[in-house]
Amino acid sequence: MNNIRRGLLVLLCFIAVASCQKDDICVEGDTPLMVVEFFNITNPDALKNVTALRVVGEGQTLTVNTVADRSNLNTITIPLKTAEDITSFLLISNSASDDNGAETGNVDTVNFSYSRLEDFKSRACGFVINYDNLSAELQTDTDNWIQDIEITQTRIINADSTHVKIFH
């Protein structure tokens, strides 16, 4: 009887060890963010902070969570939509609120168009979306603070370098 118990214990230990699998942990990253830098229109090689910058996705009520709200910044990283081929942002310079909570800054709308490319990373990570054929269109109004937009990289596969330059 003692040998049966010992054999059963060895069999259970063997089954437990044999059923172990390598943990699926995703270390390969996520869908990349788009890197935007702001430059001086009169000195195109010089970065220039946007004063009290606020970034809001068009149709949204909350600010983009990858950008510190109402900060003086010359570089931002922002997410593009993964289920659509266009993402629009309200870029607000000198953002502030009046006594009623209404925005008083200078609001410019920029539409980013692209093609989405699914990239299978692994079973743990699944698919990430990369972007190709990036283009930008500024909606003109009577008081645009953005003067020009240049796409420096049409393909977004990581957030290691600048994809878009905005001149103001």
C-alpha atoms as a PDB file:
ATOM      1  CA  MET A   1       0.000   0.000   0.000  1.00  0.00           C
ATOM      2  CA  ASN A   2       2.897   2.324   0.800  1.00  0.00           C
ATOM      3  CA  ASN A   3       4.372   1.736  -2.679  1.00  0.00           C
ATOM      4  CA  ILE A   4       1.038   2.605  -4.279  1.00  0.00           C
ATOM      5  CA  ARG A   5       0.912   5.921  -2.395  1.00  0.00           C
ATOM      6  CA  ARG A   6       4.504   6.663  -3.308  1.00  0.00           C
ATOM      7  CA  GLY A   7       3.820   5.819  -6.966  1.00  0.00           C
ATOM      8  CA  LEU A   8       0.682   7.943  -6.960  1.00  0.00           C
ATOM      9  CA  LEU A   9       2.603  10.860  -5.424  1.00  0.00           C
ATOM     10  CA  VAL A  10       5.362  10.555  -8.060  1.00  0.00           C
ATOM     11  CA  LEU A  11       2.735  10.413 -10.819  1.00  0.00           C
ATOM     12  CA  LEU A  12       0.979  13.551  -9.495  1.00  0.00           C
ATOM     13  CA  CYS A  13       4.304  15.415  -9.258  1.00  0.00           C
ATOM     14  CA  PHE A  14       5.157  14.411 -12.825  1.00  0.00           C
ATOM     15  CA  ILE A  15       1.764  15.626 -14.110  1.00  0.00           C
ATOM     16  CA  ALA A  16       2.131  18.933 -12.230  1.00  0.00           C
ATOM     17  CA  VAL A  17       5.606  19.585 -13.658  1.00  0.00           C
ATOM     18  CA  ALA A  18       4.680  18.468 -17.170  1.00  0.00           C
ATOM     19  CA  SER A  19       1.643  20.740 -17.293  1.00  0.00           C
ATOM     20  CA  CYS A  20       3.632  23.899 -16.490  1.00  0.00           C
ATOM     21  CA  GLN A  21       3.995  26.340 -19.384  1.00  0.00           C
ATOM     22  CA  LYS A  22       6.087  29.409 -19.936  1.00  0.00           C
ATOM     23  CA  ASP A  23       4.132  32.463 -18.779  1.00  0.00           C
ATOM     24  CA  ASP A  24       2.854  34.637 -21.590  1.00  0.00           C
ATOM     25  CA  ILE A  25       4.097  38.099 -20.719  1.00  0.00           C
ATOM     26  CA  CYS A  26       3.936  40.882 -23.258  1.00  0.00           C
ATOM     27  CA  VAL A  27       7.231  42.765 -23.359  1.00  0.00           C
ATOM     28  CA  GLU A  28       7.212  43.741 -27.025  1.00  0.00           C
ATOM     29  CA  GLY A  29       5.306  47.001 -26.612  1.00  0.00           C
ATOM     30  CA  ASP A  30       2.068  48.610 -27.617  1.00  0.00           C
ATOM     31  CA  THR A  31       0.673  50.602 -30.499  1.00  0.00           C
ATOM     32  CA  PRO A  32       3.065  53.560 -30.938  1.00  0.00           C
ATOM     33  CA  LEU A  33       2.191  57.156 -30.159  1.00  0.00           C
ATOM     34  CA  MET A  34       2.719  59.940 -32.689  1.00  0.00           C
ATOM     35  CA  VAL A  35       5.514  62.376 -31.757  1.00  0.00           C
ATOM     36  CA  VAL A  36       4.821  66.041 -32.537  1.00  0.00           C
ATOM     37  CA  GLU A  37       7.351  68.841 -32.090  1.00  0.00           C
ATOM     38  CA  PHE A  38       6.612  72.566 -32.198  1.00  0.00           C
ATOM     39  CA  PHE A  39       8.998  74.942 -33.966  1.00  0.00           C
ATOM     40  CA  ASN A  40       9.462  78.668 -34.378  1.00  0.00           C
ATOM     41  CA  ILE A  41       7.999  79.809 -37.715  1.00  0.00           C
ATOM     42  CA  THR A  42      10.635  82.570 -38.040  1.00  0.00           C
ATOM     43  CA  ASN A  43      13.522  80.223 -37.129  1.00  0.00           C
ATOM     44  CA  PRO A  44      12.434  76.789 -38.411  1.00  0.00           C
ATOM     45  CA  ASP A  45      15.347  74.937 -36.786  1.00  0.00           C
ATOM     46  CA  ALA A  46      14.481  76.149 -33.265  1.00  0.00           C
ATOM     47  CA  LEU A  47      12.022  74.367 -31.035  1.00  0.00           C
ATOM     48  CA  LYS A  48       9.420  76.700 -29.543  1.00  0.00           C
ATOM     49  CA  ASN A  49       7.145  76.043 -26.574  1.00  0.00           C
ATOM     50  CA  VAL A  50       3.423  76.383 -26.986  1.00  0.00           C
ATOM     51  CA  THR A  51       2.161  78.384 -24.008  1.00  0.00           C
ATOM     52  CA  ALA A  52      -0.532  76.677 -21.889  1.00  0.00           C
ATOM     53  CA  LEU A  53      -1.062  73.910 -24.464  1.00  0.00           C
ATOM     54  CA  ARG A  54      -4.211  71.814 -24.201  1.00  0.00           C
ATOM     55  CA  VAL A  55      -4.819  68.814 -26.481  1.00  0.00           C
ATOM     56  CA  VAL A  56      -8.321  67.398 -26.863  1.00  0.00           C
ATOM     57  CA  GLY A  57      -9.520  64.744 -29.290  1.00  0.00           C
ATOM     58  CA  GLU A  58     -12.252  66.172 -31.504  1.00  0.00           C
ATOM     59  CA  GLY A  59     -15.650  65.253 -30.085  1.00  0.00           C
ATOM     60  CA  GLN A  60     -14.129  64.467 -26.682  1.00  0.00           C
ATOM     61  CA  THR A  61     -14.600  66.326 -23.406  1.00  0.00           C
ATOM     62  CA  LEU A  62     -11.400  65.177 -21.679  1.00  0.00           C
ATOM     63  CA  THR A  63      -7.872  66.178 -22.580  1.00  0.00           C
ATOM     64  CA  VAL A  64      -5.468  63.644 -24.087  1.00  0.00           C
ATOM     65  CA  ASN A  65      -3.914  61.797 -21.133  1.00  0.00           C
ATOM     66  CA  THR A  66      -0.437  61.612 -22.699  1.00  0.00           C
ATOM     67  CA  VAL A  67       0.011  65.406 -22.590  1.00  0.00           C
ATOM     68  CA  ALA A  68       0.298  67.469 -19.405  1.00  0.00           C
ATOM     69  CA  ASP A  69      -2.672  69.827 -19.589  1.00  0.00           C
ATOM     70  CA  ARG A  70      -2.038  73.558 -19.997  1.00  0.00           C
ATOM     71  CA  SER A  71       1.726  73.142 -19.900  1.00  0.00           C
ATOM     72  CA  ASN A  72       4.378  75.000 -21.866  1.00  0.00           C
ATOM     73  CA  LEU A  73       5.630  72.269 -24.198  1.00  0.00           C
ATOM     74  CA  ASN A  74       7.598  71.910 -27.418  1.00  0.00           C
ATOM     75  CA  THR A  75       7.122  68.131 -27.796  1.00  0.00           C
ATOM     76  CA  ILE A  76       4.095  65.917 -27.282  1.00  0.00           C
ATOM     77  CA  THR A  77       3.188  62.285 -27.912  1.00  0.00           C
ATOM     78  CA  ILE A  78      -0.425  61.604 -28.807  1.00  0.00           C
ATOM     79  CA  PRO A  79      -2.395  58.474 -29.692  1.00  0.00           C
ATOM     80  CA  LEU A  80      -4.046  57.917 -33.042  1.00  0.00           C
ATOM     81  CA  LYS A  81      -7.281  55.959 -33.378  1.00  0.00           C
ATOM     82  CA  THR A  82      -6.752  52.262 -34.029  1.00  0.00           C
ATOM     83  CA  ALA A  83     -10.200  51.580 -35.524  1.00  0.00           C
ATOM     84  CA  GLU A  84     -10.379  54.531 -37.943  1.00  0.00           C
ATOM     85  CA  ASP A  85      -8.149  56.072 -40.615  1.00  0.00           C
ATOM     86  CA  ILE A  86      -8.408  59.646 -39.320  1.00  0.00           C
ATOM     87  CA  THR A  87      -7.887  61.284 -35.935  1.00  0.00           C
ATOM     88  CA  SER A  88      -8.641  64.934 -35.254  1.00  0.00           C
ATOM     89  CA  PHE A  89      -7.256  66.989 -32.394  1.00  0.00           C
ATOM     90  CA  LEU A  90      -8.070  70.401 -30.996  1.00  0.00           C
ATOM     91  CA  LEU A  91      -4.700  72.008 -30.235  1.00  0.00           C
ATOM     92  CA  ILE A  92      -5.314  74.951 -27.936  1.00  0.00           C
ATOM     93  CA  SER A  93      -2.673  77.626 -27.368  1.00  0.00           C
ATOM     94  CA  ASN A  94      -2.925  79.880 -24.296  1.00  0.00           C
ATOM     95  CA  SER A  95      -5.627  77.626 -22.902  1.00  0.00           C
ATOM     96  CA  ALA A  96      -7.625  79.045 -20.004  1.00  0.00           C
ATOM     97  CA  SER A  97     -11.198  79.058 -18.762  1.00  0.00           C
ATOM     98  CA  ASP A  98     -13.451  82.054 -18.230  1.00  0.00           C
ATOM     99  CA  ASP A  99     -15.705  82.452 -15.167  1.00  0.00           C
ATOM    100  CA  ASN A 100     -18.263  80.103 -16.750  1.00  0.00           C
ATOM    101  CA  GLY A 101     -15.681  77.401 -17.500  1.00  0.00           C
ATOM    102  CA  ALA A 102     -15.632  78.053 -21.254  1.00  0.00           C
ATOM    103  CA  GLU A 103     -12.346  77.754 -23.160  1.00  0.00           C
ATOM    104  CA  THR A 104     -10.739  81.123 -23.953  1.00  0.00           C
ATOM    105  CA  GLY A 105      -7.577  79.947 -25.728  1.00  0.00           C
ATOM    106  CA  ASN A 106      -6.866  79.900 -29.454  1.00  0.00           C
ATOM    107  CA  VAL A 107      -8.247  76.601 -30.811  1.00  0.00           C
ATOM    108  CA  ASP A 108      -6.861  75.051 -34.005  1.00  0.00           C
ATOM    109  CA  THR A 109      -8.103  71.725 -35.360  1.00  0.00           C
ATOM    110  CA  VAL A 110      -5.698  69.340 -37.088  1.00  0.00           C
ATOM    111  CA  ASN A 111      -6.859  66.199 -38.913  1.00  0.00           C
ATOM    112  CA  PHE A 112      -4.353  63.355 -39.207  1.00  0.00           C
ATOM    113  CA  SER A 113      -5.050  60.743 -41.902  1.00  0.00           C
ATOM    114  CA  TYR A 114      -3.234  57.423 -42.254  1.00  0.00           C
ATOM    115  CA  SER A 115      -3.438  53.769 -43.172  1.00  0.00           C
ATOM    116  CA  ARG A 116      -3.530  51.245 -40.352  1.00  0.00           C
ATOM    117  CA  LEU A 117      -1.202  48.234 -40.442  1.00  0.00           C
ATOM    118  CA  GLU A 118      -1.866  45.336 -38.069  1.00  0.00           C
ATOM    119  CA  ASP A 119       1.304  43.733 -36.733  1.00  0.00           C
ATOM    120  CA  PHE A 120       1.059  40.432 -34.818  1.00  0.00           C
ATOM    121  CA  LYS A 121       3.576  40.566 -31.972  1.00  0.00           C
ATOM    122  CA  SER A 122       2.926  37.359 -30.012  1.00  0.00           C
ATOM    123  CA  ARG A 123       0.194  35.328 -28.384  1.00  0.00           C
ATOM    124  CA  ALA A 124       0.565  37.386 -25.200  1.00  0.00           C
ATOM    125  CA  CYS A 125       0.648  40.780 -26.932  1.00  0.00           C
ATOM    126  CA  GLY A 126      -1.697  40.063 -29.792  1.00  0.00           C
ATOM    127  CA  PHE A 127      -1.817  42.682 -32.519  1.00  0.00           C
ATOM    128  CA  VAL A 128      -0.529  46.244 -32.402  1.00  0.00           C
ATOM    129  CA  ILE A 129      -1.413  48.885 -34.933  1.00  0.00           C
ATOM    130  CA  ASN A 130       1.271  50.747 -36.844  1.00  0.00           C
ATOM    131  CA  TYR A 131       0.470  53.629 -39.164  1.00  0.00           C
ATOM    132  CA  ASP A 132       1.549  54.446 -42.702  1.00  0.00           C
ATOM    133  CA  ASN A 133       0.947  57.244 -45.221  1.00  0.00           C
ATOM    134  CA  LEU A 134       0.519  59.829 -42.479  1.00  0.00           C
ATOM    135  CA  SER A 135      -0.758  63.214 -43.627  1.00  0.00           C
ATOM    136  CA  ALA A 136      -2.085  66.289 -41.808  1.00  0.00           C
ATOM    137  CA  GLU A 137      -4.604  68.976 -42.620  1.00  0.00           C
ATOM    138  CA  LEU A 138      -5.079  72.174 -40.650  1.00  0.00           C
ATOM    139  CA  GLN A 139      -8.628  73.503 -40.601  1.00  0.00           C
ATOM    140  CA  THR A 140      -8.210  77.174 -41.374  1.00  0.00           C
ATOM    141  CA  ASP A 141     -10.033  79.852 -39.428  1.00  0.00           C
ATOM    142  CA  THR A 142      -9.672  83.596 -38.959  1.00  0.00           C
ATOM    143  CA  ASP A 143      -7.036  83.274 -36.211  1.00  0.00           C
ATOM    144  CA  ASN A 144      -4.845  80.161 -36.691  1.00  0.00           C
ATOM    145  CA  TRP A 145      -1.894  80.067 -34.307  1.00  0.00           C
ATOM    146  CA  ILE A 146      -0.491  77.113 -36.274  1.00  0.00           C
ATOM    147  CA  GLN A 147       1.219  78.467 -39.411  1.00  0.00           C
ATOM    148  CA  ASP A 148       2.476  75.275 -41.064  1.00  0.00           C
ATOM    149  CA  ILE A 149       2.655  71.492 -40.597  1.00  0.00           C
ATOM    150  CA  GLU A 150       5.378  69.210 -41.930  1.00  0.00           C
ATOM    151  CA  ILE A 151       5.248  65.410 -41.855  1.00  0.00           C
ATOM    152  CA  THR A 152       8.810  64.194 -41.254  1.00  0.00           C
ATOM    153  CA  GLN A 153       7.985  60.472 -41.151  1.00  0.00           C
ATOM    154  CA  THR A 154       4.958  59.041 -42.899  1.00  0.00           C
ATOM    155  CA  ARG A 155       5.282  55.694 -41.097  1.00  0.00           C
ATOM    156  CA  ILE A 156       4.733  55.398 -37.338  1.00  0.00           C
ATOM    157  CA  ILE A 157       6.186  52.175 -35.915  1.00  0.00           C
ATOM    158  CA  ASN A 158       7.643  53.592 -32.683  1.00  0.00           C
ATOM    159  CA  ALA A 159       7.814  56.803 -30.673  1.00  0.00           C
ATOM    160  CA  ASP A 160      11.600  57.172 -30.880  1.00  0.00           C
ATOM    161  CA  SER A 161      11.668  60.129 -33.265  1.00  0.00           C
ATOM    162  CA  THR A 162       9.592  63.034 -34.523  1.00  0.00           C
ATOM    163  CA  HIS A 163       6.774  62.284 -36.950  1.00  0.00           C
ATOM    164  CA  VAL A 164       5.230  65.757 -37.252  1.00  0.00           C
ATOM    165  CA  LYS A 165       6.632  69.300 -37.024  1.00  0.00           C
ATOM    166  CA  ILE A 166       4.216  72.123 -36.301  1.00  0.00           C
ATOM    167  CA  PHE A 167       5.391  75.688 -36.900  1.00  0.00           C
ATOM    168  CA  HIS A 168       3.915  78.626 -34.983  1.00  0.00           C
END
